[in-house]
Amino acid sequence: MVIPYYIVVNIIAFAMYGADKYFAKNDMWRISEKALLGIAAIGGAFGAFLGMETFRHKTKHKKFTLLVPVLMAAHLAFLVYYFG
């Protein structure tokens, strides 16, 4: 059940970063930074990182460039422990 969860939450994270970039470019309602970091914290860090790089979104915000990789490392450590 862990792998399907990670797949879904990372797809959602990637989509959220893409949507927020679209909203930013079109002067629309935005997804909060709390929500973007929150999805990364609950397992979507890989999708968040891929979204940041793909859409060039939040890459100048230290909060994101530091926290998302740290969250990726934490989730990777969890997966290694869980499956190791």
N, C-alpha and C. Protein backbone atom coordinates (compact mmCIF):
# COMPACT_ATOMS: atom_id res chain seq x y z
N MET A 1 0.82 -1.20 0.00
CA MET A 1 0.00 0.00 0.00
C MET A 1 0.86 1.27 0.00
N VAL A 2 2.12 1.14 0.35
CA VAL A 2 3.00 2.31 0.41
C VAL A 2 3.32 2.83 -0.99
N ILE A 3 3.64 1.96 -1.90
CA ILE A 3 4.02 2.39 -3.26
C ILE A 3 2.86 3.09 -3.97
N PRO A 4 1.65 2.53 -3.98
CA PRO A 4 0.55 3.25 -4.62
C PRO A 4 0.32 4.64 -4.00
N TYR A 5 0.46 4.74 -2.68
CA TYR A 5 0.30 6.03 -2.01
C TYR A 5 1.32 7.03 -2.55
N TYR A 6 2.59 6.62 -2.59
CA TYR A 6 3.64 7.51 -3.06
C TYR A 6 3.43 7.91 -4.52
N ILE A 7 2.98 6.99 -5.33
CA ILE A 7 2.73 7.31 -6.75
C ILE A 7 1.65 8.38 -6.86
N VAL A 8 0.54 8.18 -6.17
CA VAL A 8 -0.58 9.12 -6.25
C VAL A 8 -0.20 10.48 -5.69
N VAL A 9 0.41 10.52 -4.52
CA VAL A 9 0.72 11.81 -3.89
C VAL A 9 1.77 12.57 -4.70
N ASN A 10 2.67 11.88 -5.36
CA ASN A 10 3.67 12.57 -6.18
C ASN A 10 3.08 13.09 -7.49
N ILE A 11 2.14 12.37 -8.06
CA ILE A 11 1.44 12.87 -9.24
C ILE A 11 0.65 14.13 -8.87
N ILE A 12 -0.01 14.10 -7.72
CA ILE A 12 -0.77 15.27 -7.26
C ILE A 12 0.18 16.44 -7.02
N ALA A 13 1.32 16.20 -6.38
CA ALA A 13 2.28 17.27 -6.11
C ALA A 13 2.77 17.89 -7.41
N PHE A 14 3.14 17.06 -8.37
CA PHE A 14 3.61 17.56 -9.66
C PHE A 14 2.54 18.43 -10.32
N ALA A 15 1.30 17.94 -10.29
CA ALA A 15 0.19 18.70 -10.88
C ALA A 15 -0.04 20.02 -10.15
N MET A 16 0.09 20.01 -8.84
CA MET A 16 -0.11 21.24 -8.08
C MET A 16 0.93 22.30 -8.44
N TYR A 17 2.18 21.90 -8.59
CA TYR A 17 3.23 22.86 -8.95
C TYR A 17 3.00 23.38 -10.37
N GLY A 18 2.58 22.52 -11.26
CA GLY A 18 2.28 22.96 -12.62
C GLY A 18 1.08 23.90 -12.66
N ALA A 19 0.05 23.56 -11.91
CA ALA A 19 -1.14 24.41 -11.86
C ALA A 19 -0.82 25.77 -11.26
N ASP A 20 -0.04 25.78 -10.19
CA ASP A 20 0.28 27.06 -9.55
C ASP A 20 1.12 27.94 -10.47
N LYS A 21 2.01 27.35 -11.24
CA LYS A 21 2.78 28.13 -12.22
C LYS A 21 1.84 28.72 -13.27
N TYR A 22 0.91 27.92 -13.75
CA TYR A 22 -0.07 28.41 -14.72
C TYR A 22 -0.89 29.56 -14.12
N PHE A 23 -1.35 29.37 -12.88
CA PHE A 23 -2.13 30.40 -12.22
C PHE A 23 -1.32 31.68 -12.06
N ALA A 24 -0.04 31.55 -11.73
CA ALA A 24 0.82 32.72 -11.54
C ALA A 24 0.99 33.48 -12.85
N LYS A 25 1.19 32.76 -13.93
CA LYS A 25 1.40 33.41 -15.23
C LYS A 25 0.13 34.07 -15.75
N ASN A 26 -1.02 33.60 -15.31
CA ASN A 26 -2.30 34.11 -15.80
C ASN A 26 -3.04 34.95 -14.77
N ASP A 27 -2.33 35.41 -13.75
CA ASP A 27 -2.89 36.30 -12.73
C ASP A 27 -4.20 35.76 -12.14
N MET A 28 -4.15 34.49 -11.75
CA MET A 28 -5.33 33.82 -11.20
C MET A 28 -5.08 33.50 -9.73
N TRP A 29 -6.11 32.94 -9.10
CA TRP A 29 -5.99 32.48 -7.72
C TRP A 29 -4.85 31.49 -7.62
N ARG A 30 -4.07 31.57 -6.53
CA ARG A 30 -2.86 30.76 -6.38
C ARG A 30 -3.04 29.68 -5.32
N ILE A 31 -2.24 28.65 -5.44
CA ILE A 31 -2.14 27.60 -4.42
C ILE A 31 -1.16 28.12 -3.38
N SER A 32 -1.51 28.01 -2.11
CA SER A 32 -0.66 28.57 -1.06
C SER A 32 0.67 27.82 -0.95
N GLU A 33 1.68 28.54 -0.48
CA GLU A 33 2.99 27.92 -0.26
C GLU A 33 2.86 26.82 0.79
N LYS A 34 1.99 27.03 1.76
CA LYS A 34 1.76 26.02 2.79
C LYS A 34 1.25 24.72 2.18
N ALA A 35 0.34 24.83 1.21
CA ALA A 35 -0.20 23.63 0.55
C ALA A 35 0.86 22.97 -0.32
N LEU A 36 1.67 23.78 -1.03
CA LEU A 36 2.72 23.21 -1.88
C LEU A 36 3.77 22.48 -1.05
N LEU A 37 4.17 23.07 0.06
CA LEU A 37 5.14 22.39 0.93
C LEU A 37 4.49 21.24 1.70
N GLY A 38 3.22 21.40 2.01
CA GLY A 38 2.50 20.34 2.72
C GLY A 38 2.40 19.05 1.91
N ILE A 39 2.11 19.18 0.62
CA ILE A 39 2.03 17.98 -0.22
C ILE A 39 3.40 17.31 -0.32
N ALA A 40 4.45 18.12 -0.33
CA ALA A 40 5.81 17.55 -0.34
C ALA A 40 6.09 16.83 0.98
N ALA A 41 5.63 17.40 2.07
CA ALA A 41 5.90 16.82 3.39
C ALA A 41 5.19 15.48 3.60
N ILE A 42 4.01 15.32 3.01
CA ILE A 42 3.27 14.07 3.23
C ILE A 42 3.62 12.98 2.23
N GLY A 43 4.68 13.20 1.48
CA GLY A 43 5.15 12.14 0.58
C GLY A 43 5.35 12.56 -0.86
N GLY A 44 4.95 13.78 -1.21
CA GLY A 44 5.04 14.22 -2.59
C GLY A 44 6.29 15.01 -2.92
N ALA A 45 7.34 14.82 -2.16
CA ALA A 45 8.56 15.60 -2.36
C ALA A 45 9.20 15.34 -3.72
N PHE A 46 9.14 14.12 -4.20
CA PHE A 46 9.74 13.81 -5.50
C PHE A 46 8.96 14.50 -6.62
N GLY A 47 7.64 14.46 -6.56
CA GLY A 47 6.81 15.14 -7.53
C GLY A 47 6.95 16.65 -7.43
N ALA A 48 7.10 17.15 -6.20
CA ALA A 48 7.29 18.59 -6.00
C ALA A 48 8.60 19.04 -6.64
N PHE A 49 9.66 18.27 -6.41
CA PHE A 49 10.96 18.62 -6.99
C PHE A 49 10.90 18.58 -8.51
N LEU A 50 10.29 17.54 -9.04
CA LEU A 50 10.17 17.43 -10.49
C LEU A 50 9.32 18.57 -11.05
N GLY A 51 8.28 18.94 -10.33
CA GLY A 51 7.45 20.07 -10.74
C GLY A 51 8.21 21.39 -10.70
N MET A 52 9.02 21.57 -9.66
CA MET A 52 9.83 22.78 -9.56
C MET A 52 10.77 22.89 -10.75
N GLU A 53 11.41 21.80 -11.10
CA GLU A 53 12.38 21.81 -12.20
C GLU A 53 11.69 21.90 -13.56
N THR A 54 10.63 21.15 -13.75
CA THR A 54 9.94 21.12 -15.04
C THR A 54 9.31 22.47 -15.37
N PHE A 55 8.62 23.04 -14.37
CA PHE A 55 7.89 24.28 -14.60
C PHE A 55 8.68 25.53 -14.20
N ARG A 56 9.92 25.33 -13.70
CA ARG A 56 10.73 26.45 -13.22
C ARG A 56 9.93 27.29 -12.23
N HIS A 57 9.35 26.60 -11.25
CA HIS A 57 8.45 27.25 -10.30
C HIS A 57 8.99 27.13 -8.89
N LYS A 58 9.05 28.24 -8.20
CA LYS A 58 9.52 28.32 -6.81
C LYS A 58 11.01 28.01 -6.68
N THR A 59 11.74 28.08 -7.78
CA THR A 59 13.16 27.75 -7.74
C THR A 59 14.02 28.88 -7.19
N LYS A 60 13.45 30.06 -7.01
CA LYS A 60 14.19 31.18 -6.42
C LYS A 60 13.82 31.42 -4.96
N HIS A 61 12.98 30.58 -4.43
CA HIS A 61 12.56 30.70 -3.04
C HIS A 61 13.37 29.73 -2.19
N LYS A 62 14.19 30.27 -1.30
CA LYS A 62 15.06 29.42 -0.47
C LYS A 62 14.26 28.38 0.32
N LYS A 63 13.08 28.79 0.77
CA LYS A 63 12.25 27.88 1.54
C LYS A 63 12.01 26.59 0.75
N PHE A 64 11.77 26.72 -0.54
CA PHE A 64 11.48 25.56 -1.39
C PHE A 64 12.76 24.84 -1.80
N THR A 65 13.79 25.61 -2.17
CA THR A 65 15.02 24.97 -2.66
C THR A 65 15.75 24.24 -1.54
N LEU A 66 15.46 24.57 -0.29
CA LEU A 66 16.07 23.84 0.82
C LEU A 66 15.16 22.73 1.35
N LEU A 67 13.90 23.07 1.57
CA LEU A 67 13.00 22.10 2.20
C LEU A 67 12.63 20.92 1.30
N VAL A 68 12.38 21.16 0.04
CA VAL A 68 11.95 20.05 -0.82
C VAL A 68 13.04 18.97 -0.93
N PRO A 69 14.31 19.32 -1.16
CA PRO A 69 15.34 18.27 -1.17
C PRO A 69 15.50 17.56 0.19
N VAL A 70 15.35 18.31 1.27
CA VAL A 70 15.43 17.68 2.60
C VAL A 70 14.27 16.69 2.77
N LEU A 71 13.10 17.08 2.34
CA LEU A 71 11.94 16.17 2.42
C LEU A 71 12.13 14.97 1.51
N MET A 72 12.74 15.17 0.34
CA MET A 72 13.03 14.04 -0.55
C MET A 72 13.96 13.05 0.15
N ALA A 73 14.99 13.56 0.79
CA ALA A 73 15.94 12.69 1.49
C ALA A 73 15.25 11.93 2.62
N ALA A 74 14.38 12.63 3.34
CA ALA A 74 13.67 11.99 4.46
C ALA A 74 12.76 10.87 3.94
N HIS A 75 12.05 11.13 2.86
CA HIS A 75 11.16 10.10 2.32
C HIS A 75 11.94 8.95 1.69
N LEU A 76 13.06 9.26 1.08
CA LEU A 76 13.91 8.19 0.55
C LEU A 76 14.44 7.32 1.69
N ALA A 77 14.86 7.96 2.79
CA ALA A 77 15.33 7.20 3.95
C ALA A 77 14.21 6.31 4.50
N PHE A 78 13.00 6.85 4.56
CA PHE A 78 11.87 6.05 5.03
C PHE A 78 11.65 4.85 4.13
N LEU A 79 11.68 5.07 2.81
CA LEU A 79 11.45 3.95 1.88
C LEU A 79 12.54 2.90 1.96
N VAL A 80 13.77 3.33 2.10
CA VAL A 80 14.87 2.37 2.27
C VAL A 80 14.68 1.57 3.54
N TYR A 81 14.33 2.25 4.62
CA TYR A 81 14.09 1.56 5.90
C TYR A 81 12.91 0.59 5.77
N TYR A 82 11.82 1.07 5.17
CA TYR A 82 10.59 0.29 5.06
C TYR A 82 10.80 -0.98 4.24
N PHE A 83 11.53 -0.84 3.13
CA PHE A 83 11.72 -1.98 2.24
C PHE A 83 13.03 -2.73 2.49
N GLY A 84 13.88 -2.15 3.35
CA GLY A 84 15.19 -2.76 3.62
C GLY A 84 15.11 -3.80 4.63
